[in-house]
Amino acid sequence: MYCVCKEHVELAIDKFVDEYEDAPDLVNLGETSFSAWEKPKHCQWCDGPAEILIV
């Protein structure tokens, strides 16, 4: 699972496919909320806002 900014979506997808050998699902964190999980404020690879969840 990766939480990334829009700039790093392609990198996260590549890493996900390399690790799991399957296509990920992309979730827009601006349109979705989870009751038992709070989204990170920043991208895993930069200080940009976490906007996309790759699972």
PDB file of N, CA and C in Angstrom:
ATOM      1  N   MET A   1       0.845  -1.164   0.000  1.00  0.00           N
ATOM      2  CA  MET A   1       0.000   0.000   0.000  1.00  0.00           C
ATOM      3  C   MET A   1       0.896   1.234   0.000  1.00  0.00           C
ATOM      4  N   TYR A   2       0.558   2.172  -0.860  1.00  0.00           N
ATOM      5  CA  TYR A   2       1.308   3.417  -0.951  1.00  0.00           C
ATOM      6  C   TYR A   2       0.331   4.588  -0.923  1.00  0.00           C
ATOM      7  N   CYS A   3       0.685   5.637  -0.204  1.00  0.00           N
ATOM      8  CA  CYS A   3      -0.076   6.886  -0.212  1.00  0.00           C
ATOM      9  C   CYS A   3       0.833   7.928  -0.833  1.00  0.00           C
ATOM     10  N   VAL A   4       0.423   8.438  -1.991  1.00  0.00           N
ATOM     11  CA  VAL A   4       1.324   9.293  -2.755  1.00  0.00           C
ATOM     12  C   VAL A   4       0.619  10.529  -3.304  1.00  0.00           C
ATOM     13  N   CYS A   5       1.425  11.502  -3.716  1.00  0.00           N
ATOM     14  CA  CYS A   5       0.914  12.669  -4.426  1.00  0.00           C
ATOM     15  C   CYS A   5       0.713  12.277  -5.891  1.00  0.00           C
ATOM     16  N   LYS A   6       0.093  13.146  -6.646  1.00  0.00           N
ATOM     17  CA  LYS A   6      -0.163  12.837  -8.057  1.00  0.00           C
ATOM     18  C   LYS A   6       1.127  12.671  -8.849  1.00  0.00           C
ATOM     19  N   GLU A   7       2.168  13.356  -8.441  1.00  0.00           N
ATOM     20  CA  GLU A   7       3.459  13.276  -9.137  1.00  0.00           C
ATOM     21  C   GLU A   7       4.090  11.895  -9.024  1.00  0.00           C
ATOM     22  N   HIS A   8       3.840  11.177  -7.940  1.00  0.00           N
ATOM     23  CA  HIS A   8       4.487   9.889  -7.703  1.00  0.00           C
ATOM     24  C   HIS A   8       3.580   8.683  -7.941  1.00  0.00           C
ATOM     25  N   VAL A   9       2.430   8.880  -8.571  1.00  0.00           N
ATOM     26  CA  VAL A   9       1.510   7.764  -8.834  1.00  0.00           C
ATOM     27  C   VAL A   9       2.166   6.695  -9.703  1.00  0.00           C
ATOM     28  N   GLU A  10       2.829   7.091 -10.773  1.00  0.00           N
ATOM     29  CA  GLU A  10       3.456   6.115 -11.670  1.00  0.00           C
ATOM     30  C   GLU A  10       4.526   5.300 -10.955  1.00  0.00           C
ATOM     31  N   LEU A  11       5.327   5.945 -10.125  1.00  0.00           N
ATOM     32  CA  LEU A  11       6.360   5.248  -9.358  1.00  0.00           C
ATOM     33  C   LEU A  11       5.720   4.230  -8.415  1.00  0.00           C
ATOM     34  N   ALA A  12       4.650   4.624  -7.725  1.00  0.00           N
ATOM     35  CA  ALA A  12       3.969   3.722  -6.795  1.00  0.00           C
ATOM     36  C   ALA A  12       3.355   2.531  -7.531  1.00  0.00           C
ATOM     37  N   ILE A  13       2.758   2.779  -8.693  1.00  0.00           N
ATOM     38  CA  ILE A  13       2.182   1.681  -9.480  1.00  0.00           C
ATOM     39  C   ILE A  13       3.279   0.708  -9.903  1.00  0.00           C
ATOM     40  N   ASP A  14       4.399   1.225 -10.394  1.00  0.00           N
ATOM     41  CA  ASP A  14       5.517   0.366 -10.793  1.00  0.00           C
ATOM     42  C   ASP A  14       6.016  -0.478  -9.626  1.00  0.00           C
ATOM     43  N   LYS A  15       6.188   0.131  -8.468  1.00  0.00           N
ATOM     44  CA  LYS A  15       6.664  -0.604  -7.295  1.00  0.00           C
ATOM     45  C   LYS A  15       5.648  -1.660  -6.867  1.00  0.00           C
ATOM     46  N   PHE A  16       4.363  -1.323  -6.912  1.00  0.00           N
ATOM     47  CA  PHE A  16       3.317  -2.276  -6.547  1.00  0.00           C
ATOM     48  C   PHE A  16       3.341  -3.479  -7.483  1.00  0.00           C
ATOM     49  N   VAL A  17       3.405  -3.227  -8.779  1.00  0.00           N
ATOM     50  CA  VAL A  17       3.423  -4.318  -9.761  1.00  0.00           C
ATOM     51  C   VAL A  17       4.674  -5.176  -9.590  1.00  0.00           C
ATOM     52  N   ASP A  18       5.823  -4.555  -9.348  1.00  0.00           N
ATOM     53  CA  ASP A  18       7.049  -5.321  -9.119  1.00  0.00           C
ATOM     54  C   ASP A  18       6.919  -6.222  -7.895  1.00  0.00           C
ATOM     55  N   GLU A  19       6.299  -5.713  -6.843  1.00  0.00           N
ATOM     56  CA  GLU A  19       6.201  -6.460  -5.593  1.00  0.00           C
ATOM     57  C   GLU A  19       5.119  -7.535  -5.628  1.00  0.00           C
ATOM     58  N   TYR A  20       3.937  -7.204  -6.162  1.00  0.00           N
ATOM     59  CA  TYR A  20       2.800  -8.125  -6.088  1.00  0.00           C
ATOM     60  C   TYR A  20       2.450  -8.807  -7.413  1.00  0.00           C
ATOM     61  N   GLU A  21       3.085  -8.388  -8.495  1.00  0.00           N
ATOM     62  CA  GLU A  21       2.842  -8.946  -9.832  1.00  0.00           C
ATOM     63  C   GLU A  21       1.361  -8.914 -10.194  1.00  0.00           C
ATOM     64  N   ASP A  22       0.700  -7.835  -9.831  1.00  0.00           N
ATOM     65  CA  ASP A  22      -0.720  -7.641 -10.117  1.00  0.00           C
ATOM     66  C   ASP A  22      -0.970  -6.140 -10.218  1.00  0.00           C
ATOM     67  N   ALA A  23      -2.013  -5.782 -10.919  1.00  0.00           N
ATOM     68  CA  ALA A  23      -2.362  -4.368 -11.057  1.00  0.00           C
ATOM     69  C   ALA A  23      -3.024  -3.870  -9.773  1.00  0.00           C
ATOM     70  N   PRO A  24      -2.661  -2.675  -9.308  1.00  0.00           N
ATOM     71  CA  PRO A  24      -3.254  -2.154  -8.082  1.00  0.00           C
ATOM     72  C   PRO A  24      -4.586  -1.455  -8.334  1.00  0.00           C
ATOM     73  N   ASP A  25      -5.302  -1.214  -7.253  1.00  0.00           N
ATOM     74  CA  ASP A  25      -6.464  -0.337  -7.281  1.00  0.00           C
ATOM     75  C   ASP A  25      -5.999   1.037  -6.827  1.00  0.00           C
ATOM     76  N   LEU A  26      -6.546   2.075  -7.436  1.00  0.00           N
ATOM     77  CA  LEU A  26      -6.215   3.440  -7.064  1.00  0.00           C
ATOM     78  C   LEU A  26      -7.442   4.073  -6.426  1.00  0.00           C
ATOM     79  N   VAL A  27      -7.242   4.683  -5.266  1.00  0.00           N
ATOM     80  CA  VAL A  27      -8.335   5.311  -4.524  1.00  0.00           C
ATOM     81  C   VAL A  27      -7.992   6.775  -4.334  1.00  0.00           C
ATOM     82  N   ASN A  28      -8.902   7.647  -4.742  1.00  0.00           N
ATOM     83  CA  ASN A  28      -8.720   9.080  -4.552  1.00  0.00           C
ATOM     84  C   ASN A  28      -9.033   9.398  -3.093  1.00  0.00           C
ATOM     85  N   LEU A  29      -8.032   9.838  -2.346  1.00  0.00           N
ATOM     86  CA  LEU A  29      -8.210  10.100  -0.921  1.00  0.00           C
ATOM     87  C   LEU A  29      -9.028  11.359  -0.652  1.00  0.00           C
ATOM     88  N   GLY A  30      -9.208  12.197  -1.657  1.00  0.00           N
ATOM     89  CA  GLY A  30     -10.047  13.374  -1.495  1.00  0.00           C
ATOM     90  C   GLY A  30     -11.525  13.045  -1.545  1.00  0.00           C
ATOM     91  N   GLU A  31     -11.870  11.900  -2.115  1.00  0.00           N
ATOM     92  CA  GLU A  31     -13.269  11.514  -2.275  1.00  0.00           C
ATOM     93  C   GLU A  31     -13.673  10.350  -1.378  1.00  0.00           C
ATOM     94  N   THR A  32     -12.716   9.774  -0.643  1.00  0.00           N
ATOM     95  CA  THR A  32     -12.967   8.575   0.145  1.00  0.00           C
ATOM     96  C   THR A  32     -12.460   8.768   1.561  1.00  0.00           C
ATOM     97  N   SER A  33     -13.173   8.227   2.518  1.00  0.00           N
ATOM     98  CA  SER A  33     -12.684   8.232   3.892  1.00  0.00           C
ATOM     99  C   SER A  33     -12.891   6.842   4.484  1.00  0.00           C
ATOM    100  N   PHE A  34     -12.073   6.509   5.455  1.00  0.00           N
ATOM    101  CA  PHE A  34     -12.138   5.214   6.113  1.00  0.00           C
ATOM    102  C   PHE A  34     -12.344   5.445   7.607  1.00  0.00           C
ATOM    103  N   SER A  35     -13.228   4.699   8.208  1.00  0.00           N
ATOM    104  CA  SER A  35     -13.543   4.925   9.621  1.00  0.00           C
ATOM    105  C   SER A  35     -12.408   4.501  10.558  1.00  0.00           C
ATOM    106  N   ALA A  36     -11.660   3.485  10.190  1.00  0.00           N
ATOM    107  CA  ALA A  36     -10.622   2.957  11.085  1.00  0.00           C
ATOM    108  C   ALA A  36      -9.211   3.301  10.630  1.00  0.00           C
ATOM    109  N   TRP A  37      -9.076   4.253   9.709  1.00  0.00           N
ATOM    110  CA  TRP A  37      -7.755   4.593   9.182  1.00  0.00           C
ATOM    111  C   TRP A  37      -7.725   6.069   8.809  1.00  0.00           C
ATOM    112  N   GLU A  38      -6.695   6.747   9.239  1.00  0.00           N
ATOM    113  CA  GLU A  38      -6.538   8.158   8.895  1.00  0.00           C
ATOM    114  C   GLU A  38      -5.427   8.287   7.861  1.00  0.00           C
ATOM    115  N   LYS A  39      -5.723   8.973   6.773  1.00  0.00           N
ATOM    116  CA  LYS A  39      -4.727   9.098   5.703  1.00  0.00           C
ATOM    117  C   LYS A  39      -3.537   9.926   6.163  1.00  0.00           C
ATOM    118  N   PRO A  40      -2.352   9.600   5.659  1.00  0.00           N
ATOM    119  CA  PRO A  40      -1.186  10.417   5.973  1.00  0.00           C
ATOM    120  C   PRO A  40      -1.321  11.788   5.334  1.00  0.00           C
ATOM    121  N   LYS A  41      -0.652  12.750   5.899  1.00  0.00           N
ATOM    122  CA  LYS A  41      -0.723  14.118   5.370  1.00  0.00           C
ATOM    123  C   LYS A  41       0.182  14.297   4.154  1.00  0.00           C
ATOM    124  N   HIS A  42       1.262  13.508   4.085  1.00  0.00           N
ATOM    125  CA  HIS A  42       2.256  13.701   3.031  1.00  0.00           C
ATOM    126  C   HIS A  42       2.505  12.417   2.237  1.00  0.00           C
ATOM    127  N   CYS A  43       2.919  12.620   1.001  1.00  0.00           N
ATOM    128  CA  CYS A  43       3.347  11.548   0.106  1.00  0.00           C
ATOM    129  C   CYS A  43       4.498  10.772   0.748  1.00  0.00           C
ATOM    130  N   GLN A  44       4.578   9.485   0.445  1.00  0.00           N
ATOM    131  CA  GLN A  44       5.661   8.668   0.977  1.00  0.00           C
ATOM    132  C   GLN A  44       7.031   9.064   0.441  1.00  0.00           C
ATOM    133  N   TRP A  45       7.071   9.747  -0.696  1.00  0.00           N
ATOM    134  CA  TRP A  45       8.360  10.070  -1.314  1.00  0.00           C
ATOM    135  C   TRP A  45       8.681  11.558  -1.364  1.00  0.00           C
ATOM    136  N   CYS A  46       7.774  12.413  -0.925  1.00  0.00           N
ATOM    137  CA  CYS A  46       8.063  13.848  -0.921  1.00  0.00           C
ATOM    138  C   CYS A  46       7.157  14.533   0.101  1.00  0.00           C
ATOM    139  N   ASP A  47       7.236  15.835   0.174  1.00  0.00           N
ATOM    140  CA  ASP A  47       6.423  16.598   1.117  1.00  0.00           C
ATOM    141  C   ASP A  47       5.074  17.013   0.538  1.00  0.00           C
ATOM    142  N   GLY A  48       4.771  16.549  -0.669  1.00  0.00           N
ATOM    143  CA  GLY A  48       3.491  16.862  -1.285  1.00  0.00           C
ATOM    144  C   GLY A  48       2.341  16.173  -0.548  1.00  0.00           C
ATOM    145  N   PRO A  49       1.124  16.639  -0.749  1.00  0.00           N
ATOM    146  CA  PRO A  49      -0.014  16.024  -0.070  1.00  0.00           C
ATOM    147  C   PRO A  49      -0.306  14.628  -0.599  1.00  0.00           C
ATOM    148  N   ALA A  50      -0.645  13.728   0.311  1.00  0.00           N
ATOM    149  CA  ALA A  50      -1.045  12.370  -0.080  1.00  0.00           C
ATOM    150  C   ALA A  50      -2.441  12.451  -0.670  1.00  0.00           C
ATOM    151  N   GLU A  51      -2.563  12.156  -1.975  1.00  0.00           N
ATOM    152  CA  GLU A  51      -3.835  12.299  -2.661  1.00  0.00           C
ATOM    153  C   GLU A  51      -4.380  10.973  -3.200  1.00  0.00           C
ATOM    154  N   ILE A  52      -3.495  10.009  -3.436  1.00  0.00           N
ATOM    155  CA  ILE A  52      -3.896   8.736  -4.047  1.00  0.00           C
ATOM    156  C   ILE A  52      -3.400   7.581  -3.184  1.00  0.00           C
ATOM    157  N   LEU A  53      -4.283   6.625  -2.924  1.00  0.00           N
ATOM    158  CA  LEU A  53      -3.935   5.402  -2.217  1.00  0.00           C
ATOM    159  C   LEU A  53      -3.803   4.304  -3.254  1.00  0.00           C
ATOM    160  N   ILE A  54      -2.662   3.627  -3.260  1.00  0.00           N
ATOM    161  CA  ILE A  54      -2.397   2.526  -4.191  1.00  0.00           C
ATOM    162  C   ILE A  54      -2.474   1.233  -3.384  1.00  0.00           C
ATOM    163  N   VAL A  55      -3.467   0.384  -3.693  1.00  0.00           N
ATOM    164  CA  VAL A  55      -3.634  -0.893  -2.967  1.00  0.00           C
ATOM    165  C   VAL A  55      -3.881  -2.031  -3.923  1.00  0.00           C
TER     166      VAL A  55
END
